[in-house]
Amino acid sequence: MPDARTAPPSRMLLVAAFAALYIIWGSTYLSVKIGVETIPPWPMIAARHSLAGLILYTVLRLGGTPAPKREHWKGGIIGGVMLLVIGNGLIAFSAHRIASGVASLVVATTPIWIVGAASSRPGGRMPLPKEWLGFLLGLAGLALLGGPSLAAAFRGEAGSLDVGAMGLILIGAISWSIGSVIGREVPRPDNAFMGSALQMLSAGAVLVVGCALTGQWSLVNIAAISTRSWIALVYLILFGSLLGFTAYVWLLRVAKTSHVATYAYVNPIVALLLGASIGHEVITPMMLVAGVVTLLGVVLVVMPLPRVNR
């Protein structure tokens, strides 16, 4: 694996990494939904991150990458807990209650929360007017998506969406955003891939212990796990974590953040298409309108202002 610190990445490698971010991450929403059909959500993501982290760490060490220092584990633990345990965990926990396309639209607001988290830290700059507008559009998109169901719940009626599940996924997106901002300020290994391995190993360790303490492992019935759930789990380990998450961590080192954040535009489109075609999920006109409003808000937040020549 190339070291992000020693040589500029080739164009082909950048294209491959962005493709992994766009397509693979967009497909993980449906994969998670299929996985939790017969695998309890917390044990599933515990297995996902533990195995992915162990595989990546072993490959790196065998390839000569230096062992991480003690201070590097701090960033690994922060990223592992806030991005993977809370962020990914709440998606998996809510997957059986909400369509994968809807989940992806909620998670698409992540760049908005990253700007908010960065601006609220000591020394952070205030958001620009276009970012405030993007923030408001993002909230409007979420309101269009879940507002009717929330109003129905207050009337004691059943809505078309589970707003509780939406809320949990939103908490996960905000946790991912805060963890991403904090992670920039803690010591990290020079090799970006090792940083990814530490986050996955940390998340896996927390989840394995957490599942043991709460009795989650006793809910796993190996004989009852369907073939499609096994395939989904293997896909999440090899592609969602080893390729997708590692590509994300690496791109944050070698590409502009505004460019990396464009995954938020593409993932919902991929998730909606896969959810409708393979998962037989219904896409309503309101979902499309809410998606357009939300993604417009994300565009305003992450796109840089044009330079003015003087």
C-alpha atoms as a PDB file:
ATOM      1  CA  MET A   1       0.000   0.000   0.000  1.00  0.00           C
ATOM      2  CA  PRO A   2       1.339   3.479  -0.773  1.00  0.00           C
ATOM      3  CA  ASP A   3       2.286   5.748   2.072  1.00  0.00           C
ATOM      4  CA  ALA A   4       0.390   9.031   1.887  1.00  0.00           C
ATOM      5  CA  ARG A   5       3.350  10.901   3.276  1.00  0.00           C
ATOM      6  CA  THR A   6       6.146   9.915   0.875  1.00  0.00           C
ATOM      7  CA  ALA A   7       4.860  10.393  -2.646  1.00  0.00           C
ATOM      8  CA  PRO A   8       2.015  12.225  -4.357  1.00  0.00           C
ATOM      9  CA  PRO A   9      -0.771   9.818  -5.300  1.00  0.00           C
ATOM     10  CA  SER A  10      -1.281   8.863  -8.914  1.00  0.00           C
ATOM     11  CA  ARG A  11      -4.389  10.028 -10.728  1.00  0.00           C
ATOM     12  CA  MET A  12      -5.526   6.432 -11.179  1.00  0.00           C
ATOM     13  CA  LEU A  13      -5.244   5.758  -7.436  1.00  0.00           C
ATOM     14  CA  LEU A  14      -7.223   8.898  -6.650  1.00  0.00           C
ATOM     15  CA  VAL A  15      -9.965   7.904  -9.095  1.00  0.00           C
ATOM     16  CA  ALA A  16     -10.120   4.419  -7.566  1.00  0.00           C
ATOM     17  CA  ALA A  17     -10.327   5.821  -4.043  1.00  0.00           C
ATOM     18  CA  PHE A  18     -13.132   8.247  -4.963  1.00  0.00           C
ATOM     19  CA  ALA A  19     -14.985   5.460  -6.766  1.00  0.00           C
ATOM     20  CA  ALA A  20     -14.767   3.356  -3.616  1.00  0.00           C
ATOM     21  CA  LEU A  21     -16.091   6.274  -1.591  1.00  0.00           C
ATOM     22  CA  TYR A  22     -18.934   7.017  -3.986  1.00  0.00           C
ATOM     23  CA  ILE A  23     -20.153   3.564  -4.985  1.00  0.00           C
ATOM     24  CA  ILE A  24     -19.101   1.244  -2.173  1.00  0.00           C
ATOM     25  CA  TRP A  25     -20.178   3.535   0.639  1.00  0.00           C
ATOM     26  CA  GLY A  26     -23.458   4.177  -1.136  1.00  0.00           C
ATOM     27  CA  SER A  27     -24.071   0.426  -1.283  1.00  0.00           C
ATOM     28  CA  THR A  28     -23.339  -0.215   2.404  1.00  0.00           C
ATOM     29  CA  TYR A  29     -26.736   1.110   3.516  1.00  0.00           C
ATOM     30  CA  LEU A  30     -28.541  -1.728   1.761  1.00  0.00           C
ATOM     31  CA  SER A  31     -25.847  -4.206   2.844  1.00  0.00           C
ATOM     32  CA  VAL A  32     -26.384  -3.265   6.489  1.00  0.00           C
ATOM     33  CA  LYS A  33     -30.136  -3.634   6.082  1.00  0.00           C
ATOM     34  CA  ILE A  34     -29.697  -7.111   4.590  1.00  0.00           C
ATOM     35  CA  GLY A  35     -27.168  -8.078   7.249  1.00  0.00           C
ATOM     36  CA  VAL A  36     -29.415  -7.276  10.208  1.00  0.00           C
ATOM     37  CA  GLU A  37     -32.205  -9.401   8.767  1.00  0.00           C
ATOM     38  CA  THR A  38     -30.739 -12.410  10.579  1.00  0.00           C
ATOM     39  CA  ILE A  39     -27.714 -11.015  12.476  1.00  0.00           C
ATOM     40  CA  PRO A  40     -28.240  -8.789  15.544  1.00  0.00           C
ATOM     41  CA  PRO A  41     -26.933  -5.292  14.667  1.00  0.00           C
ATOM     42  CA  TRP A  42     -24.347  -4.774  17.421  1.00  0.00           C
ATOM     43  CA  PRO A  43     -22.665  -8.188  17.042  1.00  0.00           C
ATOM     44  CA  MET A  44     -22.670  -7.646  13.276  1.00  0.00           C
ATOM     45  CA  ILE A  45     -20.746  -4.389  13.394  1.00  0.00           C
ATOM     46  CA  ALA A  46     -18.504  -5.795  16.139  1.00  0.00           C
ATOM     47  CA  ALA A  47     -17.509  -8.601  13.774  1.00  0.00           C
ATOM     48  CA  ARG A  48     -17.258  -6.187  10.857  1.00  0.00           C
ATOM     49  CA  HIS A  49     -14.825  -3.743  12.424  1.00  0.00           C
ATOM     50  CA  SER A  50     -12.843  -6.289  14.456  1.00  0.00           C
ATOM     51  CA  LEU A  51     -12.084  -8.488  11.466  1.00  0.00           C
ATOM     52  CA  ALA A  52     -11.477  -5.595   9.066  1.00  0.00           C
ATOM     53  CA  GLY A  53      -9.131  -3.888  11.536  1.00  0.00           C
ATOM     54  CA  LEU A  54      -7.256  -7.105  12.264  1.00  0.00           C
ATOM     55  CA  ILE A  55      -6.804  -7.895   8.567  1.00  0.00           C
ATOM     56  CA  LEU A  56      -5.568  -4.388   7.704  1.00  0.00           C
ATOM     57  CA  TYR A  57      -3.256  -4.150  10.734  1.00  0.00           C
ATOM     58  CA  THR A  58      -1.711  -7.555   9.958  1.00  0.00           C
ATOM     59  CA  VAL A  59      -1.150  -6.724   6.287  1.00  0.00           C
ATOM     60  CA  LEU A  60       0.487  -3.413   7.186  1.00  0.00           C
ATOM     61  CA  ARG A  61       2.809  -4.883   9.797  1.00  0.00           C
ATOM     62  CA  LEU A  62       3.827  -7.757   7.521  1.00  0.00           C
ATOM     63  CA  GLY A  63       4.496  -5.151   4.821  1.00  0.00           C
ATOM     64  CA  GLY A  64       6.939  -3.310   7.073  1.00  0.00           C
ATOM     65  CA  THR A  65       4.780  -0.475   8.403  1.00  0.00           C
ATOM     66  CA  PRO A  66       6.076   0.576  11.852  1.00  0.00           C
ATOM     67  CA  ALA A  67       3.970  -0.287  14.878  1.00  0.00           C
ATOM     68  CA  PRO A  68       1.860   2.648  16.107  1.00  0.00           C
ATOM     69  CA  LYS A  69       3.041   4.626  19.101  1.00  0.00           C
ATOM     70  CA  ARG A  70       1.053   4.792  22.310  1.00  0.00           C
ATOM     71  CA  GLU A  71      -0.221   8.315  21.588  1.00  0.00           C
ATOM     72  CA  HIS A  72      -1.566   7.188  18.210  1.00  0.00           C
ATOM     73  CA  TRP A  73      -4.090   4.950  19.939  1.00  0.00           C
ATOM     74  CA  LYS A  74      -5.799   8.040  21.370  1.00  0.00           C
ATOM     75  CA  GLY A  75      -6.872   9.121  17.895  1.00  0.00           C
ATOM     76  CA  GLY A  76      -7.765   5.537  17.071  1.00  0.00           C
ATOM     77  CA  ILE A  77     -10.042   5.252  20.079  1.00  0.00           C
ATOM     78  CA  ILE A  78     -11.715   8.626  19.462  1.00  0.00           C
ATOM     79  CA  GLY A  79     -12.306   7.882  15.787  1.00  0.00           C
ATOM     80  CA  GLY A  80     -13.293   4.289  16.453  1.00  0.00           C
ATOM     81  CA  VAL A  81     -15.906   5.159  19.060  1.00  0.00           C
ATOM     82  CA  MET A  82     -17.388   8.311  17.526  1.00  0.00           C
ATOM     83  CA  LEU A  83     -17.281   7.315  13.845  1.00  0.00           C
ATOM     84  CA  LEU A  84     -17.665   3.561  13.873  1.00  0.00           C
ATOM     85  CA  VAL A  85     -19.309   2.580  17.156  1.00  0.00           C
ATOM     86  CA  ILE A  86     -21.800   5.445  17.395  1.00  0.00           C
ATOM     87  CA  GLY A  87     -21.953   6.583  13.764  1.00  0.00           C
ATOM     88  CA  ASN A  88     -22.101   3.217  12.012  1.00  0.00           C
ATOM     89  CA  GLY A  89     -23.605   1.476  15.019  1.00  0.00           C
ATOM     90  CA  LEU A  90     -26.750   3.588  15.115  1.00  0.00           C
ATOM     91  CA  ILE A  91     -27.261   3.050  11.379  1.00  0.00           C
ATOM     92  CA  ALA A  92     -27.092  -0.711  11.889  1.00  0.00           C
ATOM     93  CA  PHE A  93     -29.323  -0.541  14.966  1.00  0.00           C
ATOM     94  CA  SER A  94     -31.968   1.414  13.040  1.00  0.00           C
ATOM     95  CA  ALA A  95     -31.642  -0.416   9.709  1.00  0.00           C
ATOM     96  CA  HIS A  96     -34.617  -2.726  10.221  1.00  0.00           C
ATOM     97  CA  ARG A  97     -36.873   0.238  11.007  1.00  0.00           C
ATOM     98  CA  ILE A  98     -36.133   2.521   8.082  1.00  0.00           C
ATOM     99  CA  ALA A  99     -35.429   2.334   4.349  1.00  0.00           C
ATOM    100  CA  SER A 100     -31.749   2.342   3.409  1.00  0.00           C
ATOM    101  CA  GLY A 101     -32.309   5.286   1.034  1.00  0.00           C
ATOM    102  CA  VAL A 102     -33.836   7.382   3.807  1.00  0.00           C
ATOM    103  CA  ALA A 103     -30.921   6.534   6.114  1.00  0.00           C
ATOM    104  CA  SER A 104     -28.476   7.702   3.446  1.00  0.00           C
ATOM    105  CA  LEU A 105     -30.277  11.043   3.092  1.00  0.00           C
ATOM    106  CA  VAL A 106     -29.988  11.660   6.835  1.00  0.00           C
ATOM    107  CA  VAL A 107     -26.293  10.738   6.830  1.00  0.00           C
ATOM    108  CA  ALA A 108     -25.774  13.034   3.812  1.00  0.00           C
ATOM    109  CA  THR A 109     -26.020  15.993   6.214  1.00  0.00           C
ATOM    110  CA  THR A 110     -22.697  14.969   7.820  1.00  0.00           C
ATOM    111  CA  PRO A 111     -20.599  17.684   6.074  1.00  0.00           C
ATOM    112  CA  ILE A 112     -22.973  20.299   7.498  1.00  0.00           C
ATOM    113  CA  TRP A 113     -22.399  19.077  11.044  1.00  0.00           C
ATOM    114  CA  ILE A 114     -18.641  18.926  10.429  1.00  0.00           C
ATOM    115  CA  VAL A 115     -18.632  22.655   9.629  1.00  0.00           C
ATOM    116  CA  GLY A 116     -20.708  23.319  12.739  1.00  0.00           C
ATOM    117  CA  ALA A 117     -18.403  21.244  14.942  1.00  0.00           C
ATOM    118  CA  ALA A 118     -15.279  22.895  13.483  1.00  0.00           C
ATOM    119  CA  SER A 119     -16.659  26.404  14.010  1.00  0.00           C
ATOM    120  CA  SER A 120     -17.664  25.724  17.625  1.00  0.00           C
ATOM    121  CA  ARG A 121     -14.247  24.508  18.767  1.00  0.00           C
ATOM    122  CA  PRO A 122     -11.840  27.036  20.387  1.00  0.00           C
ATOM    123  CA  GLY A 123     -10.330  29.198  17.672  1.00  0.00           C
ATOM    124  CA  GLY A 124     -12.756  27.993  15.035  1.00  0.00           C
ATOM    125  CA  ARG A 125     -14.047  30.448  12.457  1.00  0.00           C
ATOM    126  CA  MET A 126     -17.685  31.415  12.205  1.00  0.00           C
ATOM    127  CA  PRO A 127     -19.579  29.826   9.288  1.00  0.00           C
ATOM    128  CA  LEU A 128     -19.815  31.879   6.118  1.00  0.00           C
ATOM    129  CA  PRO A 129     -23.227  33.186   4.969  1.00  0.00           C
ATOM    130  CA  LYS A 130     -23.443  30.445   2.321  1.00  0.00           C
ATOM    131  CA  GLU A 131     -22.721  27.858   5.010  1.00  0.00           C
ATOM    132  CA  TRP A 132     -25.495  29.226   7.214  1.00  0.00           C
ATOM    133  CA  LEU A 133     -27.826  28.974   4.238  1.00  0.00           C
ATOM    134  CA  GLY A 134     -26.642  25.420   3.602  1.00  0.00           C
ATOM    135  CA  PHE A 135     -27.244  24.564   7.256  1.00  0.00           C
ATOM    136  CA  LEU A 136     -30.811  25.896   7.048  1.00  0.00           C
ATOM    137  CA  LEU A 137     -31.449  23.994   3.814  1.00  0.00           C
ATOM    138  CA  GLY A 138     -30.144  20.825   5.416  1.00  0.00           C
ATOM    139  CA  LEU A 139     -32.559  21.249   8.313  1.00  0.00           C
ATOM    140  CA  ALA A 140     -35.363  22.009   5.861  1.00  0.00           C
ATOM    141  CA  GLY A 141     -34.585  18.811   3.968  1.00  0.00           C
ATOM    142  CA  LEU A 142     -34.747  16.771   7.167  1.00  0.00           C
ATOM    143  CA  ALA A 143     -38.006  18.494   8.101  1.00  0.00           C
ATOM    144  CA  LEU A 144     -39.511  17.640   4.712  1.00  0.00           C
ATOM    145  CA  LEU A 145     -38.337  14.053   5.101  1.00  0.00           C
ATOM    146  CA  GLY A 146     -39.511  13.355   8.617  1.00  0.00           C
ATOM    147  CA  GLY A 147     -41.879  16.221   9.438  1.00  0.00           C
ATOM    148  CA  PRO A 148     -45.112  14.607   8.184  1.00  0.00           C
ATOM    149  CA  SER A 149     -44.426  11.389  10.123  1.00  0.00           C
ATOM    150  CA  LEU A 150     -43.508  13.371  13.238  1.00  0.00           C
ATOM    151  CA  ALA A 151     -46.750  15.351  12.994  1.00  0.00           C
ATOM    152  CA  ALA A 152     -48.679  12.090  12.577  1.00  0.00           C
ATOM    153  CA  ALA A 153     -46.991  10.665  15.669  1.00  0.00           C
ATOM    154  CA  PHE A 154     -48.109  13.668  17.717  1.00  0.00           C
ATOM    155  CA  ARG A 155     -51.668  12.998  16.521  1.00  0.00           C
ATOM    156  CA  GLY A 156     -51.365   9.387  17.607  1.00  0.00           C
ATOM    157  CA  GLU A 157     -51.309   8.128  14.028  1.00  0.00           C
ATOM    158  CA  ALA A 158     -48.827   5.966  12.141  1.00  0.00           C
ATOM    159  CA  GLY A 159     -46.536   7.879   9.798  1.00  0.00           C
ATOM    160  CA  SER A 160     -44.789   6.621   6.697  1.00  0.00           C
ATOM    161  CA  LEU A 161     -41.351   6.930   8.334  1.00  0.00           C
ATOM    162  CA  ASP A 162     -39.982   5.936  11.745  1.00  0.00           C
ATOM    163  CA  VAL A 163     -38.837   9.332  13.030  1.00  0.00           C
ATOM    164  CA  GLY A 164     -37.222   7.704  16.056  1.00  0.00           C
ATOM    165  CA  ALA A 165     -34.940   5.735  13.764  1.00  0.00           C
ATOM    166  CA  MET A 166     -34.224   8.912  11.784  1.00  0.00           C
ATOM    167  CA  GLY A 167     -33.285  10.658  15.023  1.00  0.00           C
ATOM    168  CA  LEU A 168     -30.851   7.903  15.997  1.00  0.00           C
ATOM    169  CA  ILE A 169     -29.187   8.018  12.587  1.00  0.00           C
ATOM    170  CA  LEU A 170     -28.927  11.803  12.863  1.00  0.00           C
ATOM    171  CA  ILE A 171     -27.206  11.428  16.252  1.00  0.00           C
ATOM    172  CA  GLY A 172     -24.809   9.015  14.570  1.00  0.00           C
ATOM    173  CA  ALA A 173     -24.077  11.520  11.792  1.00  0.00           C
ATOM    174  CA  ILE A 174     -23.387  14.265  14.329  1.00  0.00           C
ATOM    175  CA  SER A 175     -21.109  11.938  16.314  1.00  0.00           C
ATOM    176  CA  TRP A 176     -19.211  11.096  13.108  1.00  0.00           C
ATOM    177  CA  SER A 177     -18.806  14.828  12.426  1.00  0.00           C
ATOM    178  CA  ILE A 178     -17.513  15.688  15.894  1.00  0.00           C
ATOM    179  CA  GLY A 179     -15.153  12.717  15.837  1.00  0.00           C
ATOM    180  CA  SER A 180     -13.821  13.790  12.432  1.00  0.00           C
ATOM    181  CA  VAL A 181     -13.028  17.284  13.726  1.00  0.00           C
ATOM    182  CA  ILE A 182     -11.418  16.063  16.961  1.00  0.00           C
ATOM    183  CA  GLY A 183      -9.461  13.455  15.032  1.00  0.00           C
ATOM    184  CA  ARG A 184      -7.619  16.165  13.105  1.00  0.00           C
ATOM    185  CA  GLU A 185      -6.092  17.520  16.312  1.00  0.00           C
ATOM    186  CA  VAL A 186      -4.741  14.327  17.912  1.00  0.00           C
ATOM    187  CA  PRO A 187      -1.497  12.492  17.087  1.00  0.00           C
ATOM    188  CA  ARG A 188      -1.871  10.138  14.130  1.00  0.00           C
ATOM    189  CA  PRO A 189       0.418   7.586  12.486  1.00  0.00           C
ATOM    190  CA  ASP A 190       2.287   8.847   9.432  1.00  0.00           C
ATOM    191  CA  ASN A 191       0.704   6.027   7.445  1.00  0.00           C
ATOM    192  CA  ALA A 192      -2.980   6.858   6.884  1.00  0.00           C
ATOM    193  CA  PHE A 193      -3.862   3.185   6.492  1.00  0.00           C
ATOM    194  CA  MET A 194      -2.484   2.411   9.946  1.00  0.00           C
ATOM    195  CA  GLY A 195      -4.690   5.194  11.309  1.00  0.00           C
ATOM    196  CA  SER A 196      -7.677   3.475   9.707  1.00  0.00           C
ATOM    197  CA  ALA A 197      -6.645   0.120  11.191  1.00  0.00           C
ATOM    198  CA  LEU A 198      -6.354   1.623  14.691  1.00  0.00           C
ATOM    199  CA  GLN A 199      -9.846   3.109  14.446  1.00  0.00           C
ATOM    200  CA  MET A 200     -11.368  -0.181  13.321  1.00  0.00           C
ATOM    201  CA  LEU A 201      -9.488  -2.193  15.961  1.00  0.00           C
ATOM    202  CA  SER A 202     -10.534   0.260  18.679  1.00  0.00           C
ATOM    203  CA  ALA A 203     -14.162   0.164  17.552  1.00  0.00           C
ATOM    204  CA  GLY A 204     -14.075  -3.616  17.347  1.00  0.00           C
ATOM    205  CA  ALA A 205     -12.650  -3.955  20.861  1.00  0.00           C
ATOM    206  CA  VAL A 206     -15.277  -1.623  22.342  1.00  0.00           C
ATOM    207  CA  LEU A 207     -18.075  -3.426  20.527  1.00  0.00           C
ATOM    208  CA  VAL A 208     -16.875  -6.942  21.399  1.00  0.00           C
ATOM    209  CA  VAL A 209     -16.665  -6.053  25.094  1.00  0.00           C
ATOM    210  CA  GLY A 210     -19.928  -4.089  24.997  1.00  0.00           C
ATOM    211  CA  CYS A 211     -21.773  -6.990  23.378  1.00  0.00           C
ATOM    212  CA  ALA A 212     -20.363  -9.363  26.015  1.00  0.00           C
ATOM    213  CA  LEU A 213     -21.415  -7.124  28.918  1.00  0.00           C
ATOM    214  CA  THR A 214     -24.943  -6.619  27.550  1.00  0.00           C
ATOM    215  CA  GLY A 215     -25.534 -10.208  26.485  1.00  0.00           C
ATOM    216  CA  GLN A 216     -25.733  -9.371  22.778  1.00  0.00           C
ATOM    217  CA  TRP A 217     -23.598 -12.335  21.742  1.00  0.00           C
ATOM    218  CA  SER A 218     -26.230 -14.702  23.155  1.00  0.00           C
ATOM    219  CA  LEU A 219     -28.667 -13.320  20.563  1.00  0.00           C
ATOM    220  CA  VAL A 220     -26.551 -14.620  17.689  1.00  0.00           C
ATOM    221  CA  ASN A 221     -27.886 -17.868  16.215  1.00  0.00           C
ATOM    222  CA  ILE A 222     -25.327 -19.038  13.676  1.00  0.00           C
ATOM    223  CA  ALA A 223     -27.690 -21.653  12.237  1.00  0.00           C
ATOM    224  CA  ALA A 224     -30.371 -19.023  11.623  1.00  0.00           C
ATOM    225  CA  ILE A 225     -28.128 -16.594   9.708  1.00  0.00           C
ATOM    226  CA  SER A 226     -29.194 -16.536   6.074  1.00  0.00           C
ATOM    227  CA  THR A 227     -26.827 -16.793   3.133  1.00  0.00           C
ATOM    228  CA  ARG A 228     -27.672 -13.228   2.053  1.00  0.00           C
ATOM    229  CA  SER A 229     -26.820 -11.900   5.524  1.00  0.00           C
ATOM    230  CA  TRP A 230     -23.466 -13.739   5.457  1.00  0.00           C
ATOM    231  CA  ILE A 231     -22.738 -12.245   2.035  1.00  0.00           C
ATOM    232  CA  ALA A 232     -23.709  -8.786   3.299  1.00  0.00           C
ATOM    233  CA  LEU A 233     -21.382  -9.134   6.314  1.00  0.00           C
ATOM    234  CA  VAL A 234     -18.440 -10.258   4.180  1.00  0.00           C
ATOM    235  CA  TYR A 235     -19.132  -7.395   1.764  1.00  0.00           C
ATOM    236  CA  LEU A 236     -19.174  -4.881   4.624  1.00  0.00           C
ATOM    237  CA  ILE A 237     -15.865  -6.219   5.979  1.00  0.00           C
ATOM    238  CA  LEU A 238     -13.974  -6.393   2.688  1.00  0.00           C
ATOM    239  CA  PHE A 239     -15.503  -3.500   0.785  1.00  0.00           C
ATOM    240  CA  GLY A 240     -17.296  -1.211   3.247  1.00  0.00           C
ATOM    241  CA  SER A 241     -14.468  -1.168   5.812  1.00  0.00           C
ATOM    242  CA  LEU A 242     -11.231  -2.348   4.216  1.00  0.00           C
ATOM    243  CA  LEU A 243     -11.765  -0.464   0.942  1.00  0.00           C
ATOM    244  CA  GLY A 244     -14.373   2.224   1.631  1.00  0.00           C
ATOM    245  CA  PHE A 245     -13.364   3.447   5.087  1.00  0.00           C
ATOM    246  CA  THR A 246      -9.651   3.130   4.359  1.00  0.00           C
ATOM    247  CA  ALA A 247     -10.108   5.115   1.138  1.00  0.00           C
ATOM    248  CA  TYR A 248     -11.926   7.812   3.138  1.00  0.00           C
ATOM    249  CA  VAL A 249      -9.164   8.108   5.748  1.00  0.00           C
ATOM    250  CA  TRP A 250      -6.470   8.140   3.058  1.00  0.00           C
ATOM    251  CA  LEU A 251      -8.249  10.752   0.922  1.00  0.00           C
ATOM    252  CA  LEU A 252      -8.526  13.066   3.921  1.00  0.00           C
ATOM    253  CA  ARG A 253      -4.700  13.084   3.927  1.00  0.00           C
ATOM    254  CA  VAL A 254      -4.036  13.563   0.218  1.00  0.00           C
ATOM    255  CA  ALA A 255      -7.057  15.433  -1.213  1.00  0.00           C
ATOM    256  CA  LYS A 256      -8.957  18.590  -0.397  1.00  0.00           C
ATOM    257  CA  THR A 257     -11.604  18.119   2.263  1.00  0.00           C
ATOM    258  CA  SER A 258     -14.183  19.806   0.032  1.00  0.00           C
ATOM    259  CA  HIS A 259     -13.468  17.207  -2.657  1.00  0.00           C
ATOM    260  CA  VAL A 260     -13.681  14.280  -0.235  1.00  0.00           C
ATOM    261  CA  ALA A 261     -16.976  15.605   1.113  1.00  0.00           C
ATOM    262  CA  THR A 262     -18.567  15.196  -2.310  1.00  0.00           C
ATOM    263  CA  TYR A 263     -19.323  11.589  -1.328  1.00  0.00           C
ATOM    264  CA  ALA A 264     -22.318  13.084   0.464  1.00  0.00           C
ATOM    265  CA  TYR A 265     -23.844  14.000  -2.922  1.00  0.00           C
ATOM    266  CA  VAL A 266     -23.382  10.598  -4.512  1.00  0.00           C
ATOM    267  CA  ASN A 267     -24.013   8.111  -1.679  1.00  0.00           C
ATOM    268  CA  PRO A 268     -27.746   8.910  -1.347  1.00  0.00           C
ATOM    269  CA  ILE A 269     -28.266   8.504  -5.096  1.00  0.00           C
ATOM    270  CA  VAL A 270     -26.544   5.102  -5.067  1.00  0.00           C
ATOM    271  CA  ALA A 271     -28.410   4.068  -1.902  1.00  0.00           C
ATOM    272  CA  LEU A 272     -31.800   5.134  -3.272  1.00  0.00           C
ATOM    273  CA  LEU A 273     -31.251   3.326  -6.580  1.00  0.00           C
ATOM    274  CA  LEU A 274     -30.061   0.124  -4.911  1.00  0.00           C
ATOM    275  CA  GLY A 275     -32.786   0.295  -2.278  1.00  0.00           C
ATOM    276  CA  ALA A 276     -35.477   0.622  -4.952  1.00  0.00           C
ATOM    277  CA  SER A 277     -34.071  -1.921  -7.418  1.00  0.00           C
ATOM    278  CA  ILE A 278     -32.695  -4.621  -5.092  1.00  0.00           C
ATOM    279  CA  GLY A 279     -34.332  -3.864  -1.756  1.00  0.00           C
ATOM    280  CA  HIS A 280     -37.748  -3.109  -3.292  1.00  0.00           C
ATOM    281  CA  GLU A 281     -37.991   0.098  -1.244  1.00  0.00           C
ATOM    282  CA  VAL A 282     -40.510   2.751  -2.220  1.00  0.00           C
ATOM    283  CA  ILE A 283     -39.220   6.172  -3.271  1.00  0.00           C
ATOM    284  CA  THR A 284     -41.899   8.820  -2.743  1.00  0.00           C
ATOM    285  CA  PRO A 285     -41.993  12.266  -4.405  1.00  0.00           C
ATOM    286  CA  MET A 286     -41.513  13.853  -0.977  1.00  0.00           C
ATOM    287  CA  MET A 287     -38.352  11.827  -0.444  1.00  0.00           C
ATOM    288  CA  LEU A 288     -36.988  13.122  -3.748  1.00  0.00           C
ATOM    289  CA  VAL A 289     -37.847  16.742  -2.888  1.00  0.00           C
ATOM    290  CA  ALA A 290     -36.321  16.371   0.578  1.00  0.00           C
ATOM    291  CA  GLY A 291     -33.218  14.800  -0.950  1.00  0.00           C
ATOM    292  CA  VAL A 292     -32.746  17.634  -3.429  1.00  0.00           C
ATOM    293  CA  VAL A 293     -33.125  20.290  -0.695  1.00  0.00           C
ATOM    294  CA  THR A 294     -30.738  18.438   1.633  1.00  0.00           C
ATOM    295  CA  LEU A 295     -28.070  17.905  -1.014  1.00  0.00           C
ATOM    296  CA  LEU A 296     -28.327  21.537  -2.115  1.00  0.00           C
ATOM    297  CA  GLY A 297     -27.572  22.514   1.469  1.00  0.00           C
ATOM    298  CA  VAL A 298     -24.558  20.180   1.511  1.00  0.00           C
ATOM    299  CA  VAL A 299     -23.302  21.665  -1.764  1.00  0.00           C
ATOM    300  CA  LEU A 300     -23.433  25.182  -0.299  1.00  0.00           C
ATOM    301  CA  VAL A 301     -21.509  24.046   2.765  1.00  0.00           C
ATOM    302  CA  VAL A 302     -18.688  22.100   1.140  1.00  0.00           C
ATOM    303  CA  MET A 303     -18.121  23.932  -2.142  1.00  0.00           C
ATOM    304  CA  PRO A 304     -15.355  26.552  -1.847  1.00  0.00           C
ATOM    305  CA  LEU A 305     -15.975  30.134  -2.840  1.00  0.00           C
ATOM    306  CA  PRO A 306     -14.576  31.049  -6.271  1.00  0.00           C
ATOM    307  CA  ARG A 307     -11.270  32.897  -6.191  1.00  0.00           C
ATOM    308  CA  VAL A 308     -11.302  36.530  -7.268  1.00  0.00           C
ATOM    309  CA  ASN A 309      -8.316  37.576  -9.379  1.00  0.00           C
ATOM    310  CA  ARG A 310      -6.940  40.981  -8.552  1.00  0.00           C
END
